[in-house]
Amino acid sequence: MSKPLSAETIAIVKSTAPALQQHGVAITTRMYERLFVDPAIKGLFDQAAQVSGEQPKRLAGAIIAFAKNVDNLGALTSAVERMATRHVETSIKPEHYPAVANALLPAIKDVLGDAVDERVLGAWGEAYWFLADVLINREAQLYAAELPDLETI
């Protein structure tokens, strides 16, 4: 498990919730544009949900919920479980998380421009990897549960 988020990171992430509320779908739409330059990653996603705008809306909602509850992660338990389950269903692996970070953080800057400085991006980078670690660990448990007990084979 990763180290707890710093008080400064929590404060910065929480302070961005209003901007995310207003621009969240634009940020996630831009993130997917950046992410999908890699055809292998694009193939992991339901393109119908992209075209309809449903997936960018869902992800924006998850990011906003995370920003609002970054100091109360227990409130996100069921959302984390749904995301981890969906990630396992779609074969998301730990090696996919850097690509998302490399698309999401610049997308925040692309959309919010000068309202975002290096401190904000640094805080979101720390928060992203904290949440990614939570998801990766839960996904590992779910993947392991799918494997047969090798001792009985």
N, C-alpha and C. Protein backbone atom coordinates (compact mmCIF):
# COMPACT_ATOMS: atom_id res chain seq x y z
N MET A 1 0.85 -1.18 0.00
CA MET A 1 0.00 0.00 0.00
C MET A 1 0.88 1.23 0.00
N SER A 2 0.47 2.22 -0.74
CA SER A 2 1.26 3.45 -0.80
C SER A 2 1.10 4.25 0.48
N LYS A 3 2.04 5.17 0.64
CA LYS A 3 1.98 6.01 1.84
C LYS A 3 0.75 6.91 1.78
N PRO A 4 0.24 7.30 2.94
CA PRO A 4 -0.93 8.19 2.95
C PRO A 4 -0.62 9.50 2.25
N LEU A 5 -1.66 10.11 1.72
CA LEU A 5 -1.50 11.40 1.07
C LEU A 5 -1.17 12.46 2.11
N SER A 6 -0.34 13.40 1.72
CA SER A 6 0.01 14.49 2.62
C SER A 6 -1.18 15.42 2.80
N ALA A 7 -1.18 16.14 3.91
CA ALA A 7 -2.24 17.11 4.18
C ALA A 7 -2.28 18.16 3.08
N GLU A 8 -1.12 18.56 2.56
CA GLU A 8 -1.07 19.56 1.49
C GLU A 8 -1.72 19.01 0.22
N THR A 9 -1.41 17.76 -0.11
CA THR A 9 -2.01 17.15 -1.31
C THR A 9 -3.51 17.06 -1.17
N ILE A 10 -3.97 16.63 -0.01
CA ILE A 10 -5.41 16.53 0.23
C ILE A 10 -6.07 17.89 0.06
N ALA A 11 -5.48 18.92 0.63
CA ALA A 11 -6.05 20.27 0.53
C ALA A 11 -6.08 20.75 -0.93
N ILE A 12 -5.02 20.51 -1.67
CA ILE A 12 -4.97 20.95 -3.07
C ILE A 12 -6.01 20.21 -3.89
N VAL A 13 -6.07 18.89 -3.74
CA VAL A 13 -7.02 18.09 -4.52
C VAL A 13 -8.45 18.52 -4.19
N LYS A 14 -8.75 18.68 -2.92
CA LYS A 14 -10.10 19.12 -2.54
C LYS A 14 -10.42 20.51 -3.12
N SER A 15 -9.43 21.37 -3.17
CA SER A 15 -9.66 22.72 -3.69
C SER A 15 -9.95 22.72 -5.18
N THR A 16 -9.61 21.65 -5.87
CA THR A 16 -9.86 21.60 -7.32
C THR A 16 -11.25 21.04 -7.64
N ALA A 17 -11.97 20.55 -6.65
CA ALA A 17 -13.28 19.93 -6.91
C ALA A 17 -14.23 20.86 -7.68
N PRO A 18 -14.35 22.16 -7.34
CA PRO A 18 -15.27 23.01 -8.11
C PRO A 18 -14.87 23.11 -9.60
N ALA A 19 -13.59 23.22 -9.89
CA ALA A 19 -13.15 23.30 -11.29
C ALA A 19 -13.42 21.98 -12.00
N LEU A 20 -13.25 20.89 -11.29
CA LEU A 20 -13.54 19.58 -11.88
C LEU A 20 -15.03 19.42 -12.12
N GLN A 21 -15.81 19.92 -11.21
CA GLN A 21 -17.27 19.86 -11.38
C GLN A 21 -17.67 20.58 -12.67
N GLN A 22 -17.04 21.71 -12.91
CA GLN A 22 -17.37 22.52 -14.08
C GLN A 22 -16.76 21.97 -15.37
N HIS A 23 -15.53 21.43 -15.30
CA HIS A 23 -14.79 21.07 -16.51
C HIS A 23 -14.43 19.58 -16.59
N GLY A 24 -15.00 18.77 -15.72
CA GLY A 24 -14.61 17.36 -15.63
C GLY A 24 -14.75 16.59 -16.93
N VAL A 25 -15.87 16.74 -17.62
CA VAL A 25 -16.09 15.99 -18.86
C VAL A 25 -15.11 16.47 -19.94
N ALA A 26 -14.82 17.74 -19.98
CA ALA A 26 -13.83 18.25 -20.95
C ALA A 26 -12.46 17.65 -20.65
N ILE A 27 -12.11 17.54 -19.37
CA ILE A 27 -10.82 16.96 -18.99
C ILE A 27 -10.76 15.49 -19.38
N THR A 28 -11.80 14.73 -19.05
CA THR A 28 -11.75 13.30 -19.36
C THR A 28 -11.84 13.04 -20.86
N THR A 29 -12.59 13.86 -21.58
CA THR A 29 -12.64 13.74 -23.04
C THR A 29 -11.25 13.97 -23.62
N ARG A 30 -10.58 15.01 -23.14
CA ARG A 30 -9.21 15.30 -23.60
C ARG A 30 -8.26 14.18 -23.19
N MET A 31 -8.44 13.63 -21.99
CA MET A 31 -7.59 12.54 -21.55
C MET A 31 -7.70 11.35 -22.48
N TYR A 32 -8.94 10.99 -22.84
CA TYR A 32 -9.12 9.86 -23.75
C TYR A 32 -8.52 10.15 -25.12
N GLU A 33 -8.61 11.38 -25.61
CA GLU A 33 -7.97 11.73 -26.88
C GLU A 33 -6.47 11.45 -26.81
N ARG A 34 -5.86 11.84 -25.70
CA ARG A 34 -4.42 11.62 -25.51
C ARG A 34 -4.13 10.13 -25.35
N LEU A 35 -4.94 9.43 -24.59
CA LEU A 35 -4.72 8.01 -24.29
C LEU A 35 -4.86 7.15 -25.54
N PHE A 36 -5.81 7.48 -26.38
CA PHE A 36 -6.13 6.63 -27.52
C PHE A 36 -5.19 6.79 -28.71
N VAL A 37 -4.13 7.56 -28.57
CA VAL A 37 -3.11 7.55 -29.61
C VAL A 37 -2.42 6.18 -29.65
N ASP A 38 -2.54 5.41 -28.58
CA ASP A 38 -2.01 4.05 -28.51
C ASP A 38 -3.14 3.09 -28.87
N PRO A 39 -3.10 2.46 -30.04
CA PRO A 39 -4.19 1.57 -30.46
C PRO A 39 -4.41 0.39 -29.51
N ALA A 40 -3.34 -0.09 -28.89
CA ALA A 40 -3.49 -1.23 -27.97
C ALA A 40 -4.32 -0.82 -26.75
N ILE A 41 -4.10 0.38 -26.25
CA ILE A 41 -4.88 0.85 -25.10
C ILE A 41 -6.30 1.19 -25.55
N LYS A 42 -6.43 1.80 -26.71
CA LYS A 42 -7.76 2.12 -27.22
C LYS A 42 -8.62 0.86 -27.32
N GLY A 43 -8.01 -0.25 -27.70
CA GLY A 43 -8.73 -1.51 -27.84
C GLY A 43 -9.27 -2.08 -26.53
N LEU A 44 -8.77 -1.60 -25.41
CA LEU A 44 -9.26 -2.07 -24.11
C LEU A 44 -10.59 -1.42 -23.71
N PHE A 45 -10.98 -0.38 -24.43
CA PHE A 45 -12.14 0.41 -24.03
C PHE A 45 -13.33 0.17 -24.95
N ASP A 46 -14.50 0.27 -24.37
CA ASP A 46 -15.76 0.17 -25.12
C ASP A 46 -15.92 1.46 -25.91
N GLN A 47 -15.71 1.38 -27.21
CA GLN A 47 -15.75 2.59 -28.03
C GLN A 47 -17.15 3.17 -28.15
N ALA A 48 -18.18 2.34 -28.04
CA ALA A 48 -19.55 2.88 -28.07
C ALA A 48 -19.77 3.82 -26.88
N ALA A 49 -19.21 3.46 -25.72
CA ALA A 49 -19.33 4.32 -24.53
C ALA A 49 -18.51 5.60 -24.69
N GLN A 50 -17.48 5.55 -25.52
CA GLN A 50 -16.71 6.75 -25.81
C GLN A 50 -17.50 7.68 -26.73
N VAL A 51 -18.02 7.10 -27.80
CA VAL A 51 -18.75 7.89 -28.80
C VAL A 51 -19.99 8.54 -28.18
N SER A 52 -20.68 7.79 -27.34
CA SER A 52 -21.90 8.33 -26.71
C SER A 52 -21.57 9.38 -25.66
N GLY A 53 -20.31 9.40 -25.20
CA GLY A 53 -19.92 10.32 -24.14
C GLY A 53 -20.13 9.76 -22.75
N GLU A 54 -20.66 8.54 -22.66
CA GLU A 54 -20.96 7.95 -21.35
C GLU A 54 -19.68 7.70 -20.53
N GLN A 55 -18.65 7.15 -21.15
CA GLN A 55 -17.43 6.85 -20.41
C GLN A 55 -16.74 8.12 -19.90
N PRO A 56 -16.56 9.15 -20.73
CA PRO A 56 -15.97 10.38 -20.17
C PRO A 56 -16.80 10.95 -19.01
N LYS A 57 -18.13 10.85 -19.09
CA LYS A 57 -18.99 11.33 -17.99
C LYS A 57 -18.77 10.50 -16.73
N ARG A 58 -18.70 9.16 -16.90
CA ARG A 58 -18.48 8.28 -15.74
C ARG A 58 -17.15 8.57 -15.08
N LEU A 59 -16.10 8.68 -15.90
CA LEU A 59 -14.78 8.95 -15.33
C LEU A 59 -14.74 10.32 -14.67
N ALA A 60 -15.35 11.31 -15.29
CA ALA A 60 -15.39 12.65 -14.67
C ALA A 60 -16.08 12.57 -13.31
N GLY A 61 -17.19 11.84 -13.24
CA GLY A 61 -17.89 11.67 -11.96
C GLY A 61 -17.01 11.02 -10.91
N ALA A 62 -16.24 10.01 -11.33
CA ALA A 62 -15.34 9.32 -10.39
C ALA A 62 -14.24 10.25 -9.91
N ILE A 63 -13.70 11.05 -10.80
CA ILE A 63 -12.63 11.97 -10.42
C ILE A 63 -13.17 13.04 -9.48
N ILE A 64 -14.34 13.55 -9.77
CA ILE A 64 -14.96 14.55 -8.89
C ILE A 64 -15.23 13.95 -7.51
N ALA A 65 -15.77 12.74 -7.48
CA ALA A 65 -16.03 12.07 -6.19
C ALA A 65 -14.74 11.88 -5.42
N PHE A 66 -13.68 11.50 -6.10
CA PHE A 66 -12.39 11.33 -5.45
C PHE A 66 -11.90 12.66 -4.88
N ALA A 67 -11.99 13.73 -5.67
CA ALA A 67 -11.54 15.05 -5.20
C ALA A 67 -12.32 15.48 -3.96
N LYS A 68 -13.62 15.25 -3.96
CA LYS A 68 -14.45 15.67 -2.82
C LYS A 68 -14.22 14.81 -1.59
N ASN A 69 -13.82 13.55 -1.79
CA ASN A 69 -13.70 12.60 -0.67
C ASN A 69 -12.27 12.13 -0.44
N VAL A 70 -11.30 12.86 -0.96
CA VAL A 70 -9.91 12.44 -0.83
C VAL A 70 -9.48 12.31 0.63
N ASP A 71 -10.18 12.99 1.53
CA ASP A 71 -9.90 12.89 2.96
C ASP A 71 -10.84 11.91 3.66
N ASN A 72 -11.68 11.22 2.91
CA ASN A 72 -12.63 10.24 3.46
C ASN A 72 -12.79 9.10 2.45
N LEU A 73 -11.72 8.36 2.24
CA LEU A 73 -11.72 7.34 1.19
C LEU A 73 -12.71 6.22 1.45
N GLY A 74 -13.13 6.06 2.69
CA GLY A 74 -14.15 5.05 2.99
C GLY A 74 -15.43 5.30 2.22
N ALA A 75 -15.71 6.55 1.90
CA ALA A 75 -16.91 6.89 1.14
C ALA A 75 -16.83 6.39 -0.29
N LEU A 76 -15.64 6.02 -0.73
CA LEU A 76 -15.43 5.58 -2.11
C LEU A 76 -15.31 4.06 -2.25
N THR A 77 -15.49 3.33 -1.17
CA THR A 77 -15.27 1.88 -1.20
C THR A 77 -16.08 1.18 -2.28
N SER A 78 -17.36 1.47 -2.38
CA SER A 78 -18.17 0.77 -3.39
C SER A 78 -17.77 1.20 -4.80
N ALA A 79 -17.40 2.45 -5.00
CA ALA A 79 -16.95 2.92 -6.31
C ALA A 79 -15.64 2.24 -6.70
N VAL A 80 -14.73 2.12 -5.75
CA VAL A 80 -13.45 1.45 -6.02
C VAL A 80 -13.71 -0.01 -6.38
N GLU A 81 -14.61 -0.65 -5.69
CA GLU A 81 -14.92 -2.05 -5.97
C GLU A 81 -15.50 -2.19 -7.39
N ARG A 82 -16.39 -1.30 -7.77
CA ARG A 82 -16.96 -1.34 -9.12
C ARG A 82 -15.88 -1.12 -10.18
N MET A 83 -15.00 -0.15 -9.95
CA MET A 83 -13.94 0.13 -10.91
C MET A 83 -12.98 -1.06 -11.03
N ALA A 84 -12.58 -1.62 -9.89
CA ALA A 84 -11.65 -2.75 -9.92
C ALA A 84 -12.27 -3.94 -10.64
N THR A 85 -13.53 -4.20 -10.37
CA THR A 85 -14.23 -5.31 -11.04
C THR A 85 -14.28 -5.07 -12.54
N ARG A 86 -14.61 -3.85 -12.94
CA ARG A 86 -14.68 -3.53 -14.37
C ARG A 86 -13.31 -3.63 -15.02
N HIS A 87 -12.28 -3.20 -14.31
CA HIS A 87 -10.93 -3.28 -14.84
C HIS A 87 -10.52 -4.74 -15.08
N VAL A 88 -10.88 -5.62 -14.15
CA VAL A 88 -10.56 -7.03 -14.33
C VAL A 88 -11.35 -7.61 -15.50
N GLU A 89 -12.61 -7.23 -15.61
CA GLU A 89 -13.44 -7.71 -16.73
C GLU A 89 -12.87 -7.29 -18.09
N THR A 90 -12.20 -6.14 -18.13
CA THR A 90 -11.67 -5.62 -19.40
C THR A 90 -10.15 -5.80 -19.52
N SER A 91 -9.58 -6.62 -18.64
CA SER A 91 -8.15 -6.98 -18.69
C SER A 91 -7.19 -5.81 -18.48
N ILE A 92 -7.59 -4.84 -17.68
CA ILE A 92 -6.67 -3.76 -17.32
C ILE A 92 -5.63 -4.33 -16.37
N LYS A 93 -4.38 -3.96 -16.59
CA LYS A 93 -3.25 -4.47 -15.80
C LYS A 93 -2.47 -3.29 -15.23
N PRO A 94 -1.61 -3.55 -14.24
CA PRO A 94 -0.82 -2.45 -13.65
C PRO A 94 -0.03 -1.65 -14.68
N GLU A 95 0.43 -2.31 -15.73
CA GLU A 95 1.23 -1.59 -16.72
C GLU A 95 0.43 -0.58 -17.53
N HIS A 96 -0.89 -0.58 -17.42
CA HIS A 96 -1.71 0.40 -18.12
C HIS A 96 -1.82 1.73 -17.35
N TYR A 97 -1.58 1.70 -16.06
CA TYR A 97 -1.77 2.89 -15.24
C TYR A 97 -0.85 4.06 -15.60
N PRO A 98 0.42 3.83 -15.95
CA PRO A 98 1.25 4.98 -16.35
C PRO A 98 0.71 5.71 -17.57
N ALA A 99 0.17 4.97 -18.53
CA ALA A 99 -0.38 5.63 -19.73
C ALA A 99 -1.54 6.54 -19.36
N VAL A 100 -2.38 6.10 -18.41
CA VAL A 100 -3.50 6.94 -17.99
C VAL A 100 -2.98 8.19 -17.29
N ALA A 101 -2.01 8.02 -16.40
CA ALA A 101 -1.42 9.19 -15.73
C ALA A 101 -0.83 10.16 -16.75
N ASN A 102 -0.14 9.60 -17.75
CA ASN A 102 0.50 10.44 -18.77
C ASN A 102 -0.51 11.11 -19.70
N ALA A 103 -1.75 10.66 -19.67
CA ALA A 103 -2.81 11.31 -20.45
C ALA A 103 -3.64 12.25 -19.57
N LEU A 104 -3.93 11.82 -18.33
CA LEU A 104 -4.80 12.60 -17.45
C LEU A 104 -4.16 13.90 -16.99
N LEU A 105 -2.95 13.84 -16.49
CA LEU A 105 -2.35 15.05 -15.92
C LEU A 105 -2.18 16.15 -16.97
N PRO A 106 -1.67 15.84 -18.17
CA PRO A 106 -1.62 16.90 -19.19
C PRO A 106 -3.01 17.36 -19.63
N ALA A 107 -4.00 16.47 -19.60
CA ALA A 107 -5.36 16.87 -19.98
C ALA A 107 -5.91 17.90 -18.99
N ILE A 108 -5.58 17.74 -17.72
CA ILE A 108 -5.99 18.73 -16.72
C ILE A 108 -5.40 20.09 -17.09
N LYS A 109 -4.13 20.10 -17.43
CA LYS A 109 -3.44 21.34 -17.82
C LYS A 109 -4.02 21.89 -19.12
N ASP A 110 -4.27 20.98 -20.10
CA ASP A 110 -4.83 21.42 -21.39
C ASP A 110 -6.14 22.18 -21.19
N VAL A 111 -7.00 21.64 -20.34
CA VAL A 111 -8.34 22.22 -20.17
C VAL A 111 -8.33 23.42 -19.23
N LEU A 112 -7.61 23.31 -18.13
CA LEU A 112 -7.66 24.39 -17.13
C LEU A 112 -6.59 25.45 -17.33
N GLY A 113 -5.63 25.18 -18.18
CA GLY A 113 -4.62 26.18 -18.54
C GLY A 113 -3.85 26.73 -17.36
N ASP A 114 -3.75 28.05 -17.32
CA ASP A 114 -2.94 28.72 -16.30
C ASP A 114 -3.52 28.62 -14.90
N ALA A 115 -4.74 28.13 -14.78
CA ALA A 115 -5.32 27.93 -13.44
C ALA A 115 -4.64 26.76 -12.73
N VAL A 116 -3.86 25.98 -13.49
CA VAL A 116 -3.17 24.82 -12.93
C VAL A 116 -1.67 25.07 -12.99
N ASP A 117 -1.04 25.02 -11.82
CA ASP A 117 0.41 25.16 -11.78
C ASP A 117 1.05 23.82 -11.43
N GLU A 118 2.35 23.81 -11.31
CA GLU A 118 3.08 22.56 -11.04
C GLU A 118 2.70 21.96 -9.68
N ARG A 119 2.37 22.81 -8.72
CA ARG A 119 1.95 22.31 -7.41
C ARG A 119 0.66 21.51 -7.53
N VAL A 120 -0.30 22.03 -8.28
CA VAL A 120 -1.57 21.33 -8.47
C VAL A 120 -1.35 20.03 -9.23
N LEU A 121 -0.57 20.09 -10.30
CA LEU A 121 -0.30 18.87 -11.07
C LEU A 121 0.47 17.85 -10.22
N GLY A 122 1.39 18.32 -9.40
CA GLY A 122 2.12 17.41 -8.51
C GLY A 122 1.19 16.74 -7.51
N ALA A 123 0.27 17.52 -6.95
CA ALA A 123 -0.69 16.96 -5.99
C ALA A 123 -1.58 15.93 -6.67
N TRP A 124 -2.05 16.25 -7.87
CA TRP A 124 -2.90 15.30 -8.60
C TRP A 124 -2.11 14.07 -9.02
N GLY A 125 -0.83 14.25 -9.33
CA GLY A 125 0.00 13.08 -9.63
C GLY A 125 0.12 12.17 -8.43
N GLU A 126 0.38 12.75 -7.26
CA GLU A 126 0.46 11.95 -6.03
C GLU A 126 -0.88 11.28 -5.74
N ALA A 127 -1.96 12.02 -5.88
CA ALA A 127 -3.29 11.46 -5.60
C ALA A 127 -3.63 10.35 -6.60
N TYR A 128 -3.30 10.57 -7.88
CA TYR A 128 -3.57 9.55 -8.90
C TYR A 128 -2.86 8.24 -8.53
N TRP A 129 -1.58 8.32 -8.21
CA TRP A 129 -0.83 7.10 -7.92
C TRP A 129 -1.27 6.45 -6.63
N PHE A 130 -1.75 7.25 -5.69
CA PHE A 130 -2.32 6.66 -4.47
C PHE A 130 -3.54 5.82 -4.82
N LEU A 131 -4.46 6.40 -5.58
CA LEU A 131 -5.67 5.68 -5.97
C LEU A 131 -5.33 4.51 -6.90
N ALA A 132 -4.39 4.71 -7.81
CA ALA A 132 -3.97 3.62 -8.69
C ALA A 132 -3.47 2.44 -7.87
N ASP A 133 -2.70 2.71 -6.83
CA ASP A 133 -2.19 1.65 -5.97
C ASP A 133 -3.34 0.88 -5.31
N VAL A 134 -4.34 1.60 -4.84
CA VAL A 134 -5.52 0.96 -4.24
C VAL A 134 -6.18 0.05 -5.26
N LEU A 135 -6.39 0.56 -6.46
CA LEU A 135 -7.05 -0.22 -7.52
C LEU A 135 -6.20 -1.41 -7.94
N ILE A 136 -4.91 -1.20 -8.14
CA ILE A 136 -4.03 -2.29 -8.57
C ILE A 136 -4.04 -3.42 -7.54
N ASN A 137 -3.99 -3.06 -6.26
CA ASN A 137 -4.00 -4.10 -5.22
C ASN A 137 -5.32 -4.86 -5.20
N ARG A 138 -6.43 -4.16 -5.33
CA ARG A 138 -7.73 -4.83 -5.35
C ARG A 138 -7.88 -5.68 -6.61
N GLU A 139 -7.43 -5.17 -7.73
CA GLU A 139 -7.50 -5.93 -8.97
C GLU A 139 -6.65 -7.19 -8.88
N ALA A 140 -5.49 -7.11 -8.24
CA ALA A 140 -4.64 -8.30 -8.06
C ALA A 140 -5.40 -9.37 -7.27
N GLN A 141 -6.14 -8.95 -6.25
CA GLN A 141 -6.94 -9.90 -5.48
C GLN A 141 -8.02 -10.54 -6.36
N LEU A 142 -8.66 -9.73 -7.18
CA LEU A 142 -9.72 -10.25 -8.05
C LEU A 142 -9.15 -11.18 -9.12
N TYR A 143 -8.02 -10.82 -9.70
CA TYR A 143 -7.39 -11.70 -10.68
C TYR A 143 -7.00 -13.03 -10.02
N ALA A 144 -6.43 -12.96 -8.82
CA ALA A 144 -6.02 -14.17 -8.12
C ALA A 144 -7.22 -15.07 -7.82
N ALA A 145 -8.36 -14.47 -7.52
CA ALA A 145 -9.56 -15.26 -7.23
C ALA A 145 -10.07 -15.98 -8.48
N GLU A 146 -9.73 -15.45 -9.65
CA GLU A 146 -10.16 -16.09 -10.90
C GLU A 146 -9.32 -17.32 -11.24
N LEU A 147 -8.11 -17.41 -10.71
CA LEU A 147 -7.20 -18.49 -11.05
C LEU A 147 -7.58 -19.74 -10.26
N PRO A 148 -7.45 -20.92 -10.88
CA PRO A 148 -7.72 -22.14 -10.13
C PRO A 148 -6.63 -22.36 -9.08
N ASP A 149 -6.97 -23.09 -8.08
CA ASP A 149 -6.01 -23.44 -7.03
C ASP A 149 -5.01 -24.41 -7.65
N LEU A 150 -3.81 -23.95 -7.87
CA LEU A 150 -2.80 -24.74 -8.57
C LEU A 150 -2.42 -26.02 -7.81
N GLU A 151 -2.60 -26.04 -6.51
CA GLU A 151 -2.26 -27.23 -5.74
C GLU A 151 -3.23 -28.38 -5.99
N THR A 152 -4.41 -28.08 -6.46
CA THR A 152 -5.41 -29.15 -6.68
C THR A 152 -5.35 -29.69 -8.10
N ILE A 153 -4.47 -29.12 -8.93
CA ILE A 153 -4.39 -29.57 -10.32
C ILE A 153 -3.43 -30.74 -10.43
